[in-house]
Amino acid sequence: MMKKSIFTLLFLAIVACVSAQSLQFELKGHVYANGESIICDSVSEMGELVQEMQIRNLTSTSLQVMVKREIIQMVDGTENSFCWGNCFAPTVDVSSRPVTMDAGAVSVEGLLSFHQLLDPTYSSDPSNYAVGTSVVKYYAYPADNEEDKVCIEVWFAYNAEGVSEKPSISFSHAYPNPASSMVRFDYNLSAADNVSAAVYNLLGQEVMREQLNNMQGVVSFSVADLNDGIYFCNLFVNGQAVKTEKFVVKKF
């Protein structure tokens, strides 16, 4: 019995060490789980998709905090950059210097932001913007311990709805949402040679895909065998993701 108790305590101690984090991503009080994926689809006047974010120091000591990015998928003709204290060029993956964060403090709004430039020529004409979904992971970590990092994944989705120069694409929000057995999306395309819809989990792994052979209709996915959680559905036209929708699977 004593041996079992010792092993139990050791296991709990290991779990506590593994799960402990010094930092977390949040925004205006909303806390994001480590590794969580979010969609950014609001275009600024400068032709950028901009995702504001904050970092909180969860420790009782001051930390020197670094930020770095990892590009998972990038739409041709777009550029990605981030700001952490300073704003860095699209070629920079790691912040050049840390930002000091006091114990328990959260970074001020505007200090950390992620940017997806849809038109590197800085044109104000939306018809020049590149259509599609780019996926980028961002990490925050103490400068002296990169292993103690926290991650958030941003899906930058520009869908070109309402832009006459782009192909007309309609792809509805998921319904029902949350979904327990089936999830559906209505779609309507003006012209496309190769169209499919694919569902991804939070790890970015494709879990199912359907080829769309009609120009309009409903695409349905059975989610009965999926675990509860958040998923994304991408609409692909000629191999390019042009629309991204988020939904939740919850078994009642």
C-alpha atoms as a PDB file:
ATOM      1  CA  MET A   1       0.000   0.000   0.000  1.00  0.00           C
ATOM      2  CA  MET A   2       2.877   2.344   0.890  1.00  0.00           C
ATOM      3  CA  LYS A   3       4.567   1.648  -2.466  1.00  0.00           C
ATOM      4  CA  LYS A   4       1.330   2.392  -4.311  1.00  0.00           C
ATOM      5  CA  SER A   5       0.929   5.700  -2.457  1.00  0.00           C
ATOM      6  CA  ILE A   6       4.475   6.746  -3.293  1.00  0.00           C
ATOM      7  CA  PHE A   7       3.949   6.003  -6.993  1.00  0.00           C
ATOM      8  CA  THR A   8       0.642   7.899  -6.935  1.00  0.00           C
ATOM      9  CA  LEU A   9       2.258  10.958  -5.373  1.00  0.00           C
ATOM     10  CA  LEU A  10       5.145  10.780  -7.847  1.00  0.00           C
ATOM     11  CA  PHE A  11       2.725  10.587 -10.771  1.00  0.00           C
ATOM     12  CA  LEU A  12       0.729  13.575  -9.514  1.00  0.00           C
ATOM     13  CA  ALA A  13       3.919  15.572  -9.047  1.00  0.00           C
ATOM     14  CA  ILE A  14       5.029  14.805 -12.615  1.00  0.00           C
ATOM     15  CA  VAL A  15       1.630  15.788 -14.026  1.00  0.00           C
ATOM     16  CA  ALA A  16       1.698  19.043 -12.061  1.00  0.00           C
ATOM     17  CA  CYS A  17       5.161  19.897 -13.391  1.00  0.00           C
ATOM     18  CA  VAL A  18       4.221  19.094 -16.984  1.00  0.00           C
ATOM     19  CA  SER A  19       0.964  21.049 -16.908  1.00  0.00           C
ATOM     20  CA  ALA A  20       2.355  24.116 -15.105  1.00  0.00           C
ATOM     21  CA  GLN A  21       2.830  27.131 -17.349  1.00  0.00           C
ATOM     22  CA  SER A  22       4.403  30.490 -16.664  1.00  0.00           C
ATOM     23  CA  LEU A  23       2.416  32.341 -19.334  1.00  0.00           C
ATOM     24  CA  GLN A  24      -0.985  32.345 -20.982  1.00  0.00           C
ATOM     25  CA  PHE A  25      -2.581  34.053 -23.973  1.00  0.00           C
ATOM     26  CA  GLU A  26      -5.677  36.121 -23.324  1.00  0.00           C
ATOM     27  CA  LEU A  27      -7.559  39.141 -24.629  1.00  0.00           C
ATOM     28  CA  LYS A  28      -9.683  41.515 -22.563  1.00  0.00           C
ATOM     29  CA  GLY A  29     -10.091  38.905 -19.846  1.00  0.00           C
ATOM     30  CA  HIS A  30     -10.821  35.956 -22.152  1.00  0.00           C
ATOM     31  CA  VAL A  31      -8.286  33.179 -21.575  1.00  0.00           C
ATOM     32  CA  TYR A  32      -7.166  30.979 -24.468  1.00  0.00           C
ATOM     33  CA  ALA A  33      -6.111  27.394 -23.833  1.00  0.00           C
ATOM     34  CA  ASN A  34      -2.581  26.376 -24.749  1.00  0.00           C
ATOM     35  CA  GLY A  35      -2.659  25.332 -28.420  1.00  0.00           C
ATOM     36  CA  GLU A  36      -6.129  26.763 -29.067  1.00  0.00           C
ATOM     37  CA  SER A  37      -6.990  27.790 -32.636  1.00  0.00           C
ATOM     38  CA  ILE A  38      -8.902  30.965 -33.501  1.00  0.00           C
ATOM     39  CA  ILE A  39     -10.167  32.522 -36.729  1.00  0.00           C
ATOM     40  CA  CYS A  40      -9.211  36.062 -37.724  1.00  0.00           C
ATOM     41  CA  ASP A  41     -11.340  37.307 -40.634  1.00  0.00           C
ATOM     42  CA  SER A  42     -11.858  41.031 -40.065  1.00  0.00           C
ATOM     43  CA  VAL A  43     -10.044  43.167 -42.671  1.00  0.00           C
ATOM     44  CA  SER A  44      -8.591  46.515 -41.608  1.00  0.00           C
ATOM     45  CA  GLU A  45      -8.523  49.655 -43.780  1.00  0.00           C
ATOM     46  CA  MET A  46      -4.884  48.845 -44.599  1.00  0.00           C
ATOM     47  CA  GLY A  47      -5.839  45.537 -46.187  1.00  0.00           C
ATOM     48  CA  GLU A  48      -4.651  43.460 -43.239  1.00  0.00           C
ATOM     49  CA  LEU A  49      -6.157  40.766 -41.095  1.00  0.00           C
ATOM     50  CA  VAL A  50      -5.128  41.817 -37.577  1.00  0.00           C
ATOM     51  CA  GLN A  51      -5.452  39.719 -34.425  1.00  0.00           C
ATOM     52  CA  GLU A  52      -4.801  41.547 -31.162  1.00  0.00           C
ATOM     53  CA  MET A  53      -3.585  39.424 -28.230  1.00  0.00           C
ATOM     54  CA  GLN A  54      -2.266  39.777 -24.681  1.00  0.00           C
ATOM     55  CA  ILE A  55       0.091  37.703 -22.527  1.00  0.00           C
ATOM     56  CA  ARG A  56      -0.219  37.190 -18.770  1.00  0.00           C
ATOM     57  CA  ASN A  57       2.659  36.323 -16.457  1.00  0.00           C
ATOM     58  CA  LEU A  58       1.253  33.615 -14.193  1.00  0.00           C
ATOM     59  CA  THR A  59       4.282  33.478 -11.911  1.00  0.00           C
ATOM     60  CA  SER A  60       5.220  35.371  -8.762  1.00  0.00           C
ATOM     61  CA  THR A  61       8.419  36.715 -10.318  1.00  0.00           C
ATOM     62  CA  SER A  62       9.320  39.101 -13.134  1.00  0.00           C
ATOM     63  CA  LEU A  63       9.887  37.442 -16.528  1.00  0.00           C
ATOM     64  CA  GLN A  64      11.687  38.388 -19.730  1.00  0.00           C
ATOM     65  CA  VAL A  65       9.207  37.209 -22.390  1.00  0.00           C
ATOM     66  CA  MET A  66       9.958  36.345 -26.013  1.00  0.00           C
ATOM     67  CA  VAL A  67       7.526  35.710 -28.887  1.00  0.00           C
ATOM     68  CA  LYS A  68       8.099  33.649 -32.005  1.00  0.00           C
ATOM     69  CA  ARG A  69       5.987  32.398 -34.885  1.00  0.00           C
ATOM     70  CA  GLU A  70       5.757  29.215 -36.946  1.00  0.00           C
ATOM     71  CA  ILE A  71       4.127  29.439 -40.370  1.00  0.00           C
ATOM     72  CA  ILE A  72       2.010  26.350 -41.043  1.00  0.00           C
ATOM     73  CA  GLN A  73       0.257  27.411 -44.242  1.00  0.00           C
ATOM     74  CA  MET A  74       0.629  30.633 -46.209  1.00  0.00           C
ATOM     75  CA  VAL A  75      -1.535  31.878 -49.084  1.00  0.00           C
ATOM     76  CA  ASP A  76       0.524  32.929 -52.105  1.00  0.00           C
ATOM     77  CA  GLY A  77       0.793  36.690 -52.405  1.00  0.00           C
ATOM     78  CA  THR A  78       0.377  37.420 -48.684  1.00  0.00           C
ATOM     79  CA  GLU A  79       2.803  38.298 -45.883  1.00  0.00           C
ATOM     80  CA  ASN A  80       2.725  37.661 -42.147  1.00  0.00           C
ATOM     81  CA  SER A  81       4.330  39.645 -39.345  1.00  0.00           C
ATOM     82  CA  PHE A  82       3.874  40.310 -35.634  1.00  0.00           C
ATOM     83  CA  CYS A  83       4.439  43.007 -33.046  1.00  0.00           C
ATOM     84  CA  TRP A  84       5.750  42.408 -29.529  1.00  0.00           C
ATOM     85  CA  GLY A  85       6.909  45.724 -28.165  1.00  0.00           C
ATOM     86  CA  ASN A  86       8.346  46.454 -31.607  1.00  0.00           C
ATOM     87  CA  CYS A  87       6.822  45.509 -34.960  1.00  0.00           C
ATOM     88  CA  PHE A  88       8.990  43.132 -36.975  1.00  0.00           C
ATOM     89  CA  ALA A  89       9.459  42.557 -40.689  1.00  0.00           C
ATOM     90  CA  PRO A  90       7.709  39.610 -42.386  1.00  0.00           C
ATOM     91  CA  THR A  91      11.094  37.826 -42.563  1.00  0.00           C
ATOM     92  CA  VAL A  92      11.469  37.765 -38.755  1.00  0.00           C
ATOM     93  CA  ASP A  93      10.313  34.661 -36.862  1.00  0.00           C
ATOM     94  CA  VAL A  94      11.594  35.505 -33.357  1.00  0.00           C
ATOM     95  CA  SER A  95      11.355  38.817 -31.486  1.00  0.00           C
ATOM     96  CA  SER A  96      14.766  40.455 -31.313  1.00  0.00           C
ATOM     97  CA  ARG A  97      14.538  41.301 -27.615  1.00  0.00           C
ATOM     98  CA  PRO A  98      12.359  40.235 -24.676  1.00  0.00           C
ATOM     99  CA  VAL A  99       9.696  42.340 -23.011  1.00  0.00           C
ATOM    100  CA  THR A 100       9.830  42.570 -19.224  1.00  0.00           C
ATOM    101  CA  MET A 101       6.627  41.473 -17.508  1.00  0.00           C
ATOM    102  CA  ASP A 102       6.059  41.940 -13.784  1.00  0.00           C
ATOM    103  CA  ALA A 103       4.722  39.117 -11.617  1.00  0.00           C
ATOM    104  CA  GLY A 104       1.041  38.498 -12.343  1.00  0.00           C
ATOM    105  CA  ALA A 105       0.901  41.268 -14.935  1.00  0.00           C
ATOM    106  CA  VAL A 106      -0.891  41.199 -18.287  1.00  0.00           C
ATOM    107  CA  SER A 107       0.574  42.999 -21.296  1.00  0.00           C
ATOM    108  CA  VAL A 108      -1.168  46.225 -22.289  1.00  0.00           C
ATOM    109  CA  GLU A 109      -3.481  46.162 -25.293  1.00  0.00           C
ATOM    110  CA  GLY A 110      -1.667  46.891 -28.540  1.00  0.00           C
ATOM    111  CA  LEU A 111       1.699  45.572 -27.378  1.00  0.00           C
ATOM    112  CA  LEU A 112       1.150  42.161 -29.025  1.00  0.00           C
ATOM    113  CA  SER A 113      -0.564  41.735 -32.381  1.00  0.00           C
ATOM    114  CA  PHE A 114      -0.469  39.372 -35.355  1.00  0.00           C
ATOM    115  CA  HIS A 115      -0.766  40.681 -38.933  1.00  0.00           C
ATOM    116  CA  GLN A 116      -1.617  39.030 -42.243  1.00  0.00           C
ATOM    117  CA  LEU A 117      -1.073  41.432 -45.140  1.00  0.00           C
ATOM    118  CA  LEU A 118      -3.438  40.458 -47.952  1.00  0.00           C
ATOM    119  CA  ASP A 119      -1.849  42.724 -50.558  1.00  0.00           C
ATOM    120  CA  PRO A 120       1.882  43.477 -50.152  1.00  0.00           C
ATOM    121  CA  THR A 121       1.530  46.316 -52.684  1.00  0.00           C
ATOM    122  CA  TYR A 122      -0.590  48.141 -50.049  1.00  0.00           C
ATOM    123  CA  SER A 123      -3.410  48.668 -52.523  1.00  0.00           C
ATOM    124  CA  SER A 124      -6.719  49.827 -51.079  1.00  0.00           C
ATOM    125  CA  ASP A 125      -8.616  47.864 -53.730  1.00  0.00           C
ATOM    126  CA  PRO A 126     -10.029  44.648 -52.180  1.00  0.00           C
ATOM    127  CA  SER A 127     -10.083  42.989 -55.606  1.00  0.00           C
ATOM    128  CA  ASN A 128      -6.285  42.763 -55.328  1.00  0.00           C
ATOM    129  CA  TYR A 129      -6.370  40.880 -52.029  1.00  0.00           C
ATOM    130  CA  ALA A 130      -5.269  37.251 -52.079  1.00  0.00           C
ATOM    131  CA  VAL A 131      -8.129  34.886 -51.214  1.00  0.00           C
ATOM    132  CA  GLY A 132      -7.588  31.973 -48.859  1.00  0.00           C
ATOM    133  CA  THR A 133      -6.709  30.876 -45.341  1.00  0.00           C
ATOM    134  CA  SER A 134      -3.232  31.120 -43.840  1.00  0.00           C
ATOM    135  CA  VAL A 135      -2.403  29.297 -40.595  1.00  0.00           C
ATOM    136  CA  VAL A 136       0.297  30.555 -38.222  1.00  0.00           C
ATOM    137  CA  LYS A 137       1.290  29.406 -34.736  1.00  0.00           C
ATOM    138  CA  TYR A 138       2.626  31.940 -32.248  1.00  0.00           C
ATOM    139  CA  TYR A 139       4.559  31.079 -29.094  1.00  0.00           C
ATOM    140  CA  ALA A 140       5.377  33.051 -25.942  1.00  0.00           C
ATOM    141  CA  TYR A 141       8.045  31.866 -23.524  1.00  0.00           C
ATOM    142  CA  PRO A 142      10.501  33.078 -20.858  1.00  0.00           C
ATOM    143  CA  ALA A 143      13.756  34.113 -22.509  1.00  0.00           C
ATOM    144  CA  ASP A 144      15.725  31.701 -20.319  1.00  0.00           C
ATOM    145  CA  ASN A 145      13.434  28.690 -20.840  1.00  0.00           C
ATOM    146  CA  GLU A 146      11.961  28.177 -24.310  1.00  0.00           C
ATOM    147  CA  GLU A 147      10.542  24.798 -23.230  1.00  0.00           C
ATOM    148  CA  ASP A 148       8.120  26.665 -20.965  1.00  0.00           C
ATOM    149  CA  LYS A 149       6.171  27.984 -23.941  1.00  0.00           C
ATOM    150  CA  VAL A 150       2.499  28.601 -24.611  1.00  0.00           C
ATOM    151  CA  CYS A 151       0.994  28.492 -28.102  1.00  0.00           C
ATOM    152  CA  ILE A 152      -1.942  29.941 -29.994  1.00  0.00           C
ATOM    153  CA  GLU A 153      -2.798  29.116 -33.611  1.00  0.00           C
ATOM    154  CA  VAL A 154      -4.406  31.788 -35.799  1.00  0.00           C
ATOM    155  CA  TRP A 155      -6.329  30.983 -38.984  1.00  0.00           C
ATOM    156  CA  PHE A 156      -6.226  34.153 -41.121  1.00  0.00           C
ATOM    157  CA  ALA A 157      -9.233  33.719 -43.419  1.00  0.00           C
ATOM    158  CA  TYR A 158     -10.013  36.125 -46.251  1.00  0.00           C
ATOM    159  CA  ASN A 159     -13.039  34.905 -48.151  1.00  0.00           C
ATOM    160  CA  ALA A 160     -13.584  37.735 -50.673  1.00  0.00           C
ATOM    161  CA  GLU A 161     -17.341  37.799 -50.186  1.00  0.00           C
ATOM    162  CA  GLY A 162     -18.871  40.829 -51.852  1.00  0.00           C
ATOM    163  CA  VAL A 163     -15.911  41.478 -54.139  1.00  0.00           C
ATOM    164  CA  SER A 164     -17.213  41.354 -57.701  1.00  0.00           C
ATOM    165  CA  GLU A 165     -13.824  40.645 -59.257  1.00  0.00           C
ATOM    166  CA  LYS A 166     -13.519  37.408 -57.277  1.00  0.00           C
ATOM    167  CA  PRO A 167     -15.592  34.269 -57.907  1.00  0.00           C
ATOM    168  CA  SER A 168     -18.892  34.417 -56.026  1.00  0.00           C
ATOM    169  CA  ILE A 169     -18.640  32.060 -53.080  1.00  0.00           C
ATOM    170  CA  SER A 170     -21.266  31.435 -50.427  1.00  0.00           C
ATOM    171  CA  PHE A 171     -20.557  29.023 -47.574  1.00  0.00           C
ATOM    172  CA  SER A 172     -22.856  29.173 -44.565  1.00  0.00           C
ATOM    173  CA  HIS A 173     -22.069  28.938 -40.871  1.00  0.00           C
ATOM    174  CA  ALA A 174     -22.244  25.430 -39.438  1.00  0.00           C
ATOM    175  CA  TYR A 175     -25.637  24.156 -38.342  1.00  0.00           C
ATOM    176  CA  PRO A 176     -26.586  22.823 -35.919  1.00  0.00           C
ATOM    177  CA  ASN A 177     -23.817  24.278 -33.771  1.00  0.00           C
ATOM    178  CA  PRO A 178     -22.973  22.675 -31.393  1.00  0.00           C
ATOM    179  CA  ALA A 179     -23.432  19.438 -33.334  1.00  0.00           C
ATOM    180  CA  SER A 180     -23.931  16.019 -31.759  1.00  0.00           C
ATOM    181  CA  SER A 181     -24.421  13.696 -34.751  1.00  0.00           C
ATOM    182  CA  MET A 182     -24.351  15.708 -38.014  1.00  0.00           C
ATOM    183  CA  VAL A 183     -23.082  19.122 -39.042  1.00  0.00           C
ATOM    184  CA  ARG A 184     -24.106  20.832 -42.287  1.00  0.00           C
ATOM    185  CA  PHE A 185     -23.050  23.770 -44.457  1.00  0.00           C
ATOM    186  CA  ASP A 186     -24.993  25.382 -47.307  1.00  0.00           C
ATOM    187  CA  TYR A 187     -22.901  26.442 -50.283  1.00  0.00           C
ATOM    188  CA  ASN A 188     -23.329  28.251 -53.594  1.00  0.00           C
ATOM    189  CA  LEU A 189     -20.556  28.712 -56.173  1.00  0.00           C
ATOM    190  CA  SER A 190     -20.681  30.684 -59.421  1.00  0.00           C
ATOM    191  CA  ALA A 191     -17.876  28.733 -61.073  1.00  0.00           C
ATOM    192  CA  ALA A 192     -15.245  26.246 -59.936  1.00  0.00           C
ATOM    193  CA  ASP A 193     -13.446  23.253 -61.351  1.00  0.00           C
ATOM    194  CA  ASN A 194     -12.484  21.404 -58.191  1.00  0.00           C
ATOM    195  CA  VAL A 195     -14.343  22.037 -54.930  1.00  0.00           C
ATOM    196  CA  SER A 196     -14.160  20.153 -51.648  1.00  0.00           C
ATOM    197  CA  ALA A 197     -14.827  20.732 -47.946  1.00  0.00           C
ATOM    198  CA  ALA A 198     -12.555  19.360 -45.213  1.00  0.00           C
ATOM    199  CA  VAL A 199     -12.873  19.226 -41.429  1.00  0.00           C
ATOM    200  CA  TYR A 200      -9.840  19.750 -39.164  1.00  0.00           C
ATOM    201  CA  ASN A 201      -9.319  19.318 -35.442  1.00  0.00           C
ATOM    202  CA  LEU A 202      -7.494  21.782 -33.194  1.00  0.00           C
ATOM    203  CA  LEU A 203      -4.176  20.121 -34.008  1.00  0.00           C
ATOM    204  CA  GLY A 204      -4.667  20.989 -37.671  1.00  0.00           C
ATOM    205  CA  GLN A 205      -5.221  17.339 -38.605  1.00  0.00           C
ATOM    206  CA  GLU A 206      -7.727  16.619 -41.370  1.00  0.00           C
ATOM    207  CA  VAL A 207     -10.401  14.247 -40.047  1.00  0.00           C
ATOM    208  CA  MET A 208     -12.766  14.083 -43.026  1.00  0.00           C
ATOM    209  CA  ARG A 209     -13.318  15.518 -46.495  1.00  0.00           C
ATOM    210  CA  GLU A 210     -16.147  15.660 -49.023  1.00  0.00           C
ATOM    211  CA  GLN A 211     -15.917  16.429 -52.731  1.00  0.00           C
ATOM    212  CA  LEU A 212     -18.622  18.864 -53.906  1.00  0.00           C
ATOM    213  CA  ASN A 213     -19.845  17.955 -57.361  1.00  0.00           C
ATOM    214  CA  ASN A 214     -22.693  20.477 -57.637  1.00  0.00           C
ATOM    215  CA  MET A 215     -22.524  24.252 -57.849  1.00  0.00           C
ATOM    216  CA  GLN A 216     -24.933  24.591 -54.951  1.00  0.00           C
ATOM    217  CA  GLY A 217     -26.323  22.406 -52.217  1.00  0.00           C
ATOM    218  CA  VAL A 218     -25.628  21.169 -48.697  1.00  0.00           C
ATOM    219  CA  VAL A 219     -22.515  19.332 -47.535  1.00  0.00           C
ATOM    220  CA  SER A 220     -22.993  17.140 -44.454  1.00  0.00           C
ATOM    221  CA  PHE A 221     -20.483  15.523 -42.114  1.00  0.00           C
ATOM    222  CA  SER A 222     -21.158  12.833 -39.543  1.00  0.00           C
ATOM    223  CA  VAL A 223     -19.522  13.861 -36.264  1.00  0.00           C
ATOM    224  CA  ALA A 224     -20.765  10.904 -34.229  1.00  0.00           C
ATOM    225  CA  ASP A 225     -17.274   9.406 -34.048  1.00  0.00           C
ATOM    226  CA  LEU A 226     -15.485  12.679 -33.260  1.00  0.00           C
ATOM    227  CA  ASN A 227     -14.473  13.688 -29.755  1.00  0.00           C
ATOM    228  CA  ASP A 228     -16.158  16.672 -28.152  1.00  0.00           C
ATOM    229  CA  GLY A 229     -14.343  19.898 -28.947  1.00  0.00           C
ATOM    230  CA  ILE A 230     -13.726  22.651 -31.496  1.00  0.00           C
ATOM    231  CA  TYR A 231     -13.303  21.936 -35.213  1.00  0.00           C
ATOM    232  CA  PHE A 232     -12.825  23.940 -38.403  1.00  0.00           C
ATOM    233  CA  CYS A 233     -14.250  23.367 -41.865  1.00  0.00           C
ATOM    234  CA  ASN A 234     -12.343  24.692 -44.875  1.00  0.00           C
ATOM    235  CA  LEU A 235     -13.917  25.136 -48.299  1.00  0.00           C
ATOM    236  CA  PHE A 236     -11.308  24.449 -50.996  1.00  0.00           C
ATOM    237  CA  VAL A 237     -11.637  25.763 -54.549  1.00  0.00           C
ATOM    238  CA  ASN A 238      -9.043  24.478 -56.987  1.00  0.00           C
ATOM    239  CA  GLY A 239      -6.846  23.429 -54.075  1.00  0.00           C
ATOM    240  CA  GLN A 240      -6.984  26.763 -52.227  1.00  0.00           C
ATOM    241  CA  ALA A 241      -8.831  27.309 -48.940  1.00  0.00           C
ATOM    242  CA  VAL A 242     -11.235  30.185 -49.599  1.00  0.00           C
ATOM    243  CA  LYS A 243     -13.593  29.935 -46.630  1.00  0.00           C
ATOM    244  CA  THR A 244     -13.197  28.780 -43.017  1.00  0.00           C
ATOM    245  CA  GLU A 245     -15.967  28.104 -40.513  1.00  0.00           C
ATOM    246  CA  LYS A 246     -15.673  27.065 -36.868  1.00  0.00           C
ATOM    247  CA  PHE A 247     -18.015  24.670 -35.069  1.00  0.00           C
ATOM    248  CA  VAL A 248     -18.278  22.688 -31.858  1.00  0.00           C
ATOM    249  CA  VAL A 249     -18.961  18.986 -31.377  1.00  0.00           C
ATOM    250  CA  LYS A 250     -20.795  18.242 -28.133  1.00  0.00           C
ATOM    251  CA  LYS A 251     -22.545  14.952 -27.389  1.00  0.00           C
ATOM    252  CA  PHE A 252     -25.744  15.569 -25.451  1.00  0.00           C
END
